[in-house]
Amino acid sequence: MKKLALALLCSLTTGCVGFYQQPAPTAPHATLEAIQGTNTLLNGGVQMYWAYYDPGCNDTAETGVLGTRKGEASERFLLIPDRRVYVNVMSSGGANKEGVNYFRSCANVASFIPAVGATYQIIQAVPGSGCVVEITDKSTRLPPEGIRRESG
């Protein structure tokens, strides 16, 4: 997991990362809402999102950075439907343990096949230790069919 977090952070700072090509709002799409989960990071930290079409999360001309979410604000992204998408989420920020401030980050990858017109919510919880990502269909409150938590 530390390797994944380091790779994601390095990709942002090197300038060699592409961007996920979100469909136009008028084109067929699914919506992914990034929502604040349980979070122990100081000031809510920041969550960064990437989207890829392969399990190795290889950057292509149509994949890469999806966007960011800071504090309690939610963010909405449009996804191309009917194609498995691998969504990486990394949370980072300051943390405090027993009165000592330190930097903390964690990352997860989940994949699913978005359906046309569906709205999904992605929530990464950052409790006192570890972190976990959940993706649910907003209308059913259940995970989308075929969702997989990928190893990072």
N, C-alpha and C. Protein backbone atom coordinates (compact mmCIF):
# COMPACT_ATOMS: atom_id res chain seq x y z
N MET A 1 0.83 -1.18 0.00
CA MET A 1 0.00 0.00 0.00
C MET A 1 0.88 1.25 0.00
N LYS A 2 1.99 1.21 0.72
CA LYS A 2 2.88 2.37 0.75
C LYS A 2 3.45 2.65 -0.64
N LYS A 3 3.74 1.59 -1.41
CA LYS A 3 4.26 1.77 -2.76
C LYS A 3 3.25 2.48 -3.63
N LEU A 4 1.96 2.09 -3.51
CA LEU A 4 0.90 2.72 -4.30
C LEU A 4 0.79 4.19 -3.95
N ALA A 5 0.78 4.51 -2.66
CA ALA A 5 0.67 5.91 -2.23
C ALA A 5 1.84 6.73 -2.75
N LEU A 6 3.04 6.18 -2.66
CA LEU A 6 4.22 6.89 -3.15
C LEU A 6 4.14 7.10 -4.66
N ALA A 7 3.72 6.08 -5.40
CA ALA A 7 3.60 6.19 -6.85
C ALA A 7 2.58 7.26 -7.23
N LEU A 8 1.44 7.29 -6.53
CA LEU A 8 0.41 8.27 -6.83
C LEU A 8 0.90 9.68 -6.53
N LEU A 9 1.58 9.86 -5.41
CA LEU A 9 2.11 11.16 -5.06
C LEU A 9 3.17 11.61 -6.06
N CYS A 10 4.05 10.71 -6.44
CA CYS A 10 5.10 11.05 -7.41
C CYS A 10 4.51 11.42 -8.76
N SER A 11 3.45 10.73 -9.17
CA SER A 11 2.86 11.02 -10.47
C SER A 11 2.29 12.43 -10.52
N LEU A 12 1.79 12.92 -9.39
CA LEU A 12 1.26 14.28 -9.36
C LEU A 12 2.36 15.33 -9.43
N THR A 13 3.49 15.03 -8.84
CA THR A 13 4.55 16.03 -8.77
C THR A 13 5.48 16.02 -9.98
N THR A 14 5.45 14.97 -10.81
CA THR A 14 6.35 14.93 -11.95
C THR A 14 5.78 15.59 -13.19
N GLY A 15 4.48 15.80 -13.24
CA GLY A 15 3.87 16.42 -14.41
C GLY A 15 3.70 15.44 -15.57
N CYS A 16 3.92 14.16 -15.32
CA CYS A 16 3.83 13.16 -16.38
C CYS A 16 2.56 12.33 -16.26
N VAL A 17 1.54 12.89 -15.73
CA VAL A 17 0.31 12.14 -15.54
C VAL A 17 -0.77 12.72 -16.45
N GLY A 18 -1.58 11.83 -17.01
CA GLY A 18 -2.69 12.26 -17.85
C GLY A 18 -3.94 12.49 -17.03
N PHE A 19 -5.02 12.79 -17.72
CA PHE A 19 -6.28 13.04 -17.06
C PHE A 19 -7.34 12.13 -17.64
N TYR A 20 -8.22 11.62 -16.78
CA TYR A 20 -9.33 10.80 -17.23
C TYR A 20 -10.24 11.67 -18.09
N GLN A 21 -10.57 11.19 -19.26
CA GLN A 21 -11.40 11.94 -20.19
C GLN A 21 -12.87 11.73 -19.86
N GLN A 22 -13.41 12.63 -19.03
CA GLN A 22 -14.80 12.53 -18.63
C GLN A 22 -15.70 12.82 -19.84
N PRO A 23 -16.80 12.07 -19.98
CA PRO A 23 -17.70 12.34 -21.10
C PRO A 23 -18.41 13.68 -20.91
N ALA A 24 -18.87 14.24 -22.00
CA ALA A 24 -19.65 15.48 -21.93
C ALA A 24 -20.94 15.21 -21.16
N PRO A 25 -21.46 16.20 -20.45
CA PRO A 25 -22.70 16.00 -19.70
C PRO A 25 -23.88 15.54 -20.57
N THR A 26 -23.82 15.85 -21.86
CA THR A 26 -24.90 15.45 -22.77
C THR A 26 -24.69 14.05 -23.35
N ALA A 27 -23.51 13.47 -23.16
CA ALA A 27 -23.21 12.12 -23.65
C ALA A 27 -23.65 11.10 -22.60
N PRO A 28 -23.87 9.84 -23.02
CA PRO A 28 -24.19 8.80 -22.03
C PRO A 28 -23.07 8.73 -20.99
N HIS A 29 -23.46 8.70 -19.71
CA HIS A 29 -22.45 8.66 -18.65
C HIS A 29 -23.06 8.13 -17.35
N ALA A 30 -22.18 7.81 -16.41
CA ALA A 30 -22.54 7.53 -15.03
C ALA A 30 -21.90 8.63 -14.20
N THR A 31 -22.42 8.86 -13.02
CA THR A 31 -21.89 9.89 -12.14
C THR A 31 -21.28 9.24 -10.91
N LEU A 32 -20.12 9.74 -10.52
CA LEU A 32 -19.45 9.27 -9.31
C LEU A 32 -19.33 10.45 -8.36
N GLU A 33 -19.98 10.36 -7.21
CA GLU A 33 -19.92 11.41 -6.20
C GLU A 33 -18.90 11.02 -5.14
N ALA A 34 -17.90 11.85 -4.95
CA ALA A 34 -16.89 11.63 -3.91
C ALA A 34 -17.39 12.30 -2.64
N ILE A 35 -17.63 11.49 -1.61
CA ILE A 35 -18.26 11.95 -0.37
C ILE A 35 -17.28 11.80 0.79
N GLN A 36 -17.37 12.70 1.74
CA GLN A 36 -16.55 12.64 2.96
C GLN A 36 -16.97 11.44 3.80
N GLY A 37 -16.01 10.63 4.18
CA GLY A 37 -16.26 9.51 5.09
C GLY A 37 -15.71 9.82 6.46
N THR A 38 -15.73 8.85 7.36
CA THR A 38 -15.10 9.02 8.66
C THR A 38 -13.66 9.43 8.43
N ASN A 39 -13.24 10.51 9.08
CA ASN A 39 -11.95 11.07 8.74
C ASN A 39 -11.28 11.65 9.97
N THR A 40 -10.08 11.16 10.29
CA THR A 40 -9.34 11.67 11.44
C THR A 40 -8.20 12.59 11.02
N LEU A 41 -8.09 12.91 9.73
CA LEU A 41 -7.05 13.82 9.28
C LEU A 41 -7.37 15.24 9.71
N LEU A 42 -6.36 16.00 10.08
CA LEU A 42 -6.57 17.38 10.51
C LEU A 42 -7.16 18.20 9.36
N ASN A 43 -8.17 18.98 9.66
CA ASN A 43 -8.88 19.79 8.66
C ASN A 43 -9.45 18.95 7.52
N GLY A 44 -9.66 17.67 7.74
CA GLY A 44 -10.24 16.80 6.74
C GLY A 44 -9.27 16.28 5.70
N GLY A 45 -8.05 16.83 5.66
CA GLY A 45 -7.06 16.39 4.67
C GLY A 45 -7.54 16.62 3.26
N VAL A 46 -6.98 15.89 2.33
CA VAL A 46 -7.38 15.97 0.93
C VAL A 46 -7.48 14.55 0.38
N GLN A 47 -8.42 14.33 -0.51
CA GLN A 47 -8.54 13.05 -1.18
C GLN A 47 -8.36 13.28 -2.68
N MET A 48 -7.51 12.45 -3.29
CA MET A 48 -7.23 12.55 -4.71
C MET A 48 -7.74 11.29 -5.40
N TYR A 49 -8.25 11.45 -6.62
CA TYR A 49 -8.88 10.36 -7.36
C TYR A 49 -8.26 10.23 -8.74
N TRP A 50 -8.05 8.97 -9.16
CA TRP A 50 -7.57 8.64 -10.49
C TRP A 50 -8.48 7.57 -11.06
N ALA A 51 -8.60 7.50 -12.39
CA ALA A 51 -9.41 6.47 -13.04
C ALA A 51 -8.64 5.89 -14.22
N TYR A 52 -8.62 4.55 -14.30
CA TYR A 52 -7.88 3.83 -15.34
C TYR A 52 -8.74 2.69 -15.88
N TYR A 53 -8.32 2.13 -17.02
CA TYR A 53 -9.05 1.01 -17.62
C TYR A 53 -8.31 -0.31 -17.50
N ASP A 54 -7.22 -0.35 -16.78
CA ASP A 54 -6.51 -1.62 -16.62
C ASP A 54 -6.10 -1.80 -15.16
N PRO A 55 -5.96 -3.05 -14.72
CA PRO A 55 -5.65 -3.31 -13.31
C PRO A 55 -4.27 -2.80 -12.88
N GLY A 56 -3.38 -2.56 -13.82
CA GLY A 56 -2.07 -2.02 -13.48
C GLY A 56 -2.08 -0.52 -13.33
N CYS A 57 -3.24 0.10 -13.57
CA CYS A 57 -3.41 1.56 -13.47
C CYS A 57 -2.37 2.29 -14.30
N ASN A 58 -2.19 1.83 -15.54
CA ASN A 58 -1.25 2.46 -16.46
C ASN A 58 -1.88 3.70 -17.08
N ASP A 59 -1.16 4.78 -17.04
CA ASP A 59 -1.62 6.05 -17.57
C ASP A 59 -1.69 5.97 -19.10
N THR A 60 -2.81 6.43 -19.68
CA THR A 60 -2.97 6.47 -21.13
C THR A 60 -3.47 7.86 -21.52
N ALA A 61 -3.72 8.06 -22.79
CA ALA A 61 -4.23 9.35 -23.27
C ALA A 61 -5.64 9.62 -22.76
N GLU A 62 -6.36 8.56 -22.36
CA GLU A 62 -7.74 8.77 -21.90
C GLU A 62 -7.94 8.51 -20.41
N THR A 63 -6.88 8.22 -19.67
CA THR A 63 -7.02 7.94 -18.25
C THR A 63 -5.99 8.71 -17.43
N GLY A 64 -6.20 8.73 -16.13
CA GLY A 64 -5.28 9.41 -15.22
C GLY A 64 -6.05 10.13 -14.13
N VAL A 65 -5.65 11.34 -13.82
CA VAL A 65 -6.26 12.12 -12.75
C VAL A 65 -7.75 12.32 -13.00
N LEU A 66 -8.55 12.06 -12.00
CA LEU A 66 -9.99 12.31 -12.07
C LEU A 66 -10.31 13.63 -11.37
N GLY A 67 -9.71 13.86 -10.19
CA GLY A 67 -9.91 15.12 -9.48
C GLY A 67 -9.57 14.99 -8.01
N THR A 68 -9.92 16.02 -7.25
CA THR A 68 -9.64 16.03 -5.81
C THR A 68 -10.87 16.46 -5.04
N ARG A 69 -10.84 16.16 -3.75
CA ARG A 69 -11.88 16.59 -2.83
C ARG A 69 -11.17 17.00 -1.56
N LYS A 70 -11.51 18.17 -1.01
CA LYS A 70 -10.85 18.66 0.19
C LYS A 70 -11.88 18.94 1.27
N GLY A 71 -11.52 18.60 2.51
CA GLY A 71 -12.42 18.86 3.64
C GLY A 71 -13.73 18.12 3.50
N GLU A 72 -14.82 18.76 3.86
CA GLU A 72 -16.12 18.09 3.83
C GLU A 72 -16.86 18.28 2.50
N ALA A 73 -16.31 19.07 1.59
CA ALA A 73 -16.97 19.30 0.30
C ALA A 73 -16.99 18.01 -0.51
N SER A 74 -18.10 17.76 -1.21
CA SER A 74 -18.17 16.60 -2.09
C SER A 74 -17.80 17.05 -3.50
N GLU A 75 -17.51 16.09 -4.35
CA GLU A 75 -17.13 16.38 -5.74
C GLU A 75 -17.84 15.37 -6.63
N ARG A 76 -18.17 15.78 -7.86
CA ARG A 76 -18.85 14.89 -8.81
C ARG A 76 -17.98 14.72 -10.05
N PHE A 77 -17.87 13.47 -10.50
CA PHE A 77 -17.12 13.14 -11.70
C PHE A 77 -18.03 12.36 -12.63
N LEU A 78 -17.83 12.52 -13.93
CA LEU A 78 -18.59 11.75 -14.92
C LEU A 78 -17.71 10.61 -15.43
N LEU A 79 -18.30 9.41 -15.54
CA LEU A 79 -17.58 8.23 -15.98
C LEU A 79 -18.18 7.69 -17.27
N ILE A 80 -17.35 7.16 -18.11
CA ILE A 80 -17.82 6.46 -19.31
C ILE A 80 -18.46 5.16 -18.85
N PRO A 81 -19.69 4.89 -19.26
CA PRO A 81 -20.39 3.69 -18.80
C PRO A 81 -19.99 2.43 -19.56
N ASP A 82 -20.40 1.30 -19.01
CA ASP A 82 -20.28 -0.01 -19.65
C ASP A 82 -18.85 -0.45 -19.92
N ARG A 83 -17.91 0.06 -19.15
CA ARG A 83 -16.50 -0.33 -19.27
C ARG A 83 -15.90 -0.33 -17.86
N ARG A 84 -15.25 -1.43 -17.48
CA ARG A 84 -14.66 -1.52 -16.15
C ARG A 84 -13.68 -0.37 -15.94
N VAL A 85 -13.86 0.33 -14.83
CA VAL A 85 -12.98 1.43 -14.48
C VAL A 85 -12.35 1.12 -13.12
N TYR A 86 -11.06 1.37 -13.03
CA TYR A 86 -10.29 1.18 -11.80
C TYR A 86 -10.12 2.55 -11.17
N VAL A 87 -10.74 2.76 -10.02
CA VAL A 87 -10.70 4.06 -9.36
C VAL A 87 -9.73 3.97 -8.18
N ASN A 88 -8.72 4.81 -8.22
CA ASN A 88 -7.74 4.92 -7.13
C ASN A 88 -8.14 6.13 -6.30
N VAL A 89 -8.07 5.98 -5.00
CA VAL A 89 -8.31 7.12 -4.12
C VAL A 89 -7.20 7.14 -3.06
N MET A 90 -6.63 8.31 -2.87
CA MET A 90 -5.60 8.47 -1.85
C MET A 90 -6.00 9.63 -0.94
N SER A 91 -5.97 9.36 0.35
CA SER A 91 -6.22 10.39 1.36
C SER A 91 -4.90 10.77 1.99
N SER A 92 -4.69 12.06 2.21
CA SER A 92 -3.46 12.47 2.88
C SER A 92 -3.70 13.77 3.63
N GLY A 93 -2.90 13.95 4.66
CA GLY A 93 -2.98 15.17 5.44
C GLY A 93 -2.34 14.99 6.79
N GLY A 94 -2.46 15.98 7.60
CA GLY A 94 -1.91 15.93 8.94
C GLY A 94 -2.78 15.08 9.85
N ALA A 95 -2.15 14.47 10.82
CA ALA A 95 -2.86 13.68 11.82
C ALA A 95 -2.24 13.98 13.18
N ASN A 96 -2.94 13.62 14.22
CA ASN A 96 -2.44 13.88 15.56
C ASN A 96 -2.66 12.63 16.40
N LYS A 97 -1.61 12.18 17.02
CA LYS A 97 -1.71 11.02 17.91
C LYS A 97 -1.02 11.38 19.21
N GLU A 98 -1.78 11.32 20.28
CA GLU A 98 -1.25 11.61 21.61
C GLU A 98 -0.53 12.95 21.66
N GLY A 99 -1.11 13.96 20.98
CA GLY A 99 -0.56 15.30 21.02
C GLY A 99 0.58 15.56 20.05
N VAL A 100 0.95 14.58 19.23
CA VAL A 100 2.04 14.75 18.26
C VAL A 100 1.45 14.80 16.86
N ASN A 101 1.76 15.86 16.09
CA ASN A 101 1.31 15.98 14.71
C ASN A 101 2.25 15.24 13.77
N TYR A 102 1.71 14.59 12.75
CA TYR A 102 2.50 13.89 11.75
C TYR A 102 1.72 13.83 10.45
N PHE A 103 2.38 13.49 9.35
CA PHE A 103 1.75 13.35 8.04
C PHE A 103 1.27 11.91 7.87
N ARG A 104 0.08 11.76 7.32
CA ARG A 104 -0.48 10.43 7.13
C ARG A 104 -1.11 10.34 5.74
N SER A 105 -0.93 9.20 5.09
CA SER A 105 -1.62 8.97 3.81
C SER A 105 -2.01 7.51 3.71
N CYS A 106 -3.02 7.25 2.92
CA CYS A 106 -3.44 5.88 2.65
C CYS A 106 -4.13 5.86 1.29
N ALA A 107 -4.10 4.71 0.63
CA ALA A 107 -4.67 4.61 -0.72
C ALA A 107 -5.39 3.28 -0.90
N ASN A 108 -6.39 3.29 -1.78
CA ASN A 108 -7.15 2.10 -2.14
C ASN A 108 -7.48 2.15 -3.61
N VAL A 109 -7.74 0.97 -4.18
CA VAL A 109 -8.19 0.85 -5.56
C VAL A 109 -9.40 -0.07 -5.58
N ALA A 110 -10.46 0.36 -6.25
CA ALA A 110 -11.64 -0.48 -6.45
C ALA A 110 -12.03 -0.36 -7.92
N SER A 111 -12.61 -1.43 -8.46
CA SER A 111 -13.05 -1.38 -9.85
C SER A 111 -14.50 -1.84 -9.96
N PHE A 112 -15.18 -1.30 -10.97
CA PHE A 112 -16.56 -1.69 -11.24
C PHE A 112 -16.91 -1.24 -12.65
N ILE A 113 -18.08 -1.66 -13.13
CA ILE A 113 -18.55 -1.27 -14.45
C ILE A 113 -19.74 -0.34 -14.26
N PRO A 114 -19.55 0.96 -14.48
CA PRO A 114 -20.65 1.92 -14.29
C PRO A 114 -21.75 1.71 -15.33
N ALA A 115 -22.99 1.90 -14.90
CA ALA A 115 -24.13 1.78 -15.80
C ALA A 115 -24.58 3.17 -16.25
N VAL A 116 -25.07 3.27 -17.47
CA VAL A 116 -25.57 4.54 -18.01
C VAL A 116 -26.65 5.09 -17.09
N GLY A 117 -26.52 6.37 -16.73
CA GLY A 117 -27.52 7.04 -15.92
C GLY A 117 -27.43 6.80 -14.43
N ALA A 118 -26.60 5.87 -14.00
CA ALA A 118 -26.50 5.56 -12.57
C ALA A 118 -25.62 6.59 -11.86
N THR A 119 -25.90 6.79 -10.58
CA THR A 119 -25.07 7.64 -9.74
C THR A 119 -24.51 6.77 -8.63
N TYR A 120 -23.21 6.83 -8.48
CA TYR A 120 -22.50 6.06 -7.46
C TYR A 120 -21.86 7.02 -6.47
N GLN A 121 -21.69 6.55 -5.25
CA GLN A 121 -20.98 7.33 -4.24
C GLN A 121 -19.72 6.57 -3.86
N ILE A 122 -18.60 7.28 -3.80
CA ILE A 122 -17.34 6.70 -3.36
C ILE A 122 -16.97 7.39 -2.06
N ILE A 123 -16.70 6.58 -1.05
CA ILE A 123 -16.38 7.10 0.27
C ILE A 123 -15.14 6.37 0.77
N GLN A 124 -14.11 7.13 1.08
CA GLN A 124 -12.93 6.52 1.71
C GLN A 124 -12.93 6.98 3.17
N ALA A 125 -13.00 6.01 4.07
CA ALA A 125 -12.95 6.30 5.50
C ALA A 125 -11.50 6.27 5.95
N VAL A 126 -11.13 7.24 6.77
CA VAL A 126 -9.78 7.33 7.31
C VAL A 126 -9.91 7.40 8.84
N PRO A 127 -10.17 6.25 9.47
CA PRO A 127 -10.28 6.25 10.94
C PRO A 127 -8.89 6.37 11.58
N GLY A 128 -8.80 6.08 12.84
CA GLY A 128 -7.54 6.22 13.57
C GLY A 128 -6.40 5.42 12.98
N SER A 129 -6.69 4.28 12.39
CA SER A 129 -5.64 3.52 11.70
C SER A 129 -6.25 2.85 10.47
N GLY A 130 -5.43 2.67 9.43
CA GLY A 130 -5.90 2.08 8.19
C GLY A 130 -6.85 2.99 7.43
N CYS A 131 -7.40 2.47 6.35
CA CYS A 131 -8.44 3.18 5.60
C CYS A 131 -9.12 2.17 4.69
N VAL A 132 -10.34 2.48 4.30
CA VAL A 132 -11.10 1.58 3.44
C VAL A 132 -11.97 2.41 2.50
N VAL A 133 -12.11 1.93 1.26
CA VAL A 133 -12.94 2.61 0.28
C VAL A 133 -14.20 1.78 0.03
N GLU A 134 -15.32 2.49 -0.14
CA GLU A 134 -16.59 1.85 -0.48
C GLU A 134 -17.20 2.60 -1.65
N ILE A 135 -17.76 1.84 -2.59
CA ILE A 135 -18.52 2.43 -3.69
C ILE A 135 -19.91 1.82 -3.63
N THR A 136 -20.94 2.68 -3.63
CA THR A 136 -22.31 2.20 -3.59
C THR A 136 -23.13 2.89 -4.67
N ASP A 137 -24.17 2.19 -5.13
CA ASP A 137 -25.13 2.77 -6.05
C ASP A 137 -26.04 3.67 -5.21
N LYS A 138 -26.16 4.91 -5.57
CA LYS A 138 -26.91 5.86 -4.75
C LYS A 138 -28.38 5.47 -4.63
N SER A 139 -28.97 4.89 -5.65
CA SER A 139 -30.40 4.56 -5.61
C SER A 139 -30.69 3.32 -4.76
N THR A 140 -29.78 2.36 -4.73
CA THR A 140 -30.02 1.12 -3.97
C THR A 140 -29.26 1.07 -2.65
N ARG A 141 -28.24 1.92 -2.52
CA ARG A 141 -27.34 1.94 -1.36
C ARG A 141 -26.54 0.63 -1.23
N LEU A 142 -26.45 -0.11 -2.33
CA LEU A 142 -25.70 -1.37 -2.36
C LEU A 142 -24.47 -1.19 -3.26
N PRO A 143 -23.44 -2.01 -3.05
CA PRO A 143 -22.30 -1.96 -3.97
C PRO A 143 -22.75 -2.32 -5.38
N PRO A 144 -22.14 -1.70 -6.40
CA PRO A 144 -22.52 -2.07 -7.77
C PRO A 144 -22.14 -3.52 -8.05
N GLU A 145 -22.91 -4.14 -8.92
CA GLU A 145 -22.62 -5.53 -9.30
C GLU A 145 -21.23 -5.61 -9.90
N GLY A 146 -20.49 -6.61 -9.49
CA GLY A 146 -19.15 -6.82 -10.06
C GLY A 146 -18.04 -5.95 -9.46
N ILE A 147 -18.34 -5.25 -8.37
CA ILE A 147 -17.30 -4.42 -7.76
C ILE A 147 -16.19 -5.31 -7.20
N ARG A 148 -14.97 -4.82 -7.33
CA ARG A 148 -13.80 -5.55 -6.79
C ARG A 148 -12.91 -4.55 -6.08
N ARG A 149 -12.41 -4.97 -4.93
CA ARG A 149 -11.36 -4.20 -4.26
C ARG A 149 -10.05 -4.77 -4.77
N GLU A 150 -9.25 -3.93 -5.37
CA GLU A 150 -8.00 -4.37 -5.99
C GLU A 150 -6.86 -4.23 -5.00
N SER A 151 -5.82 -5.03 -5.19
CA SER A 151 -4.65 -4.90 -4.33
C SER A 151 -3.78 -3.77 -4.86
N GLY A 152 -3.18 -3.02 -3.94
CA GLY A 152 -2.40 -1.86 -4.34
C GLY A 152 -0.94 -2.04 -4.14
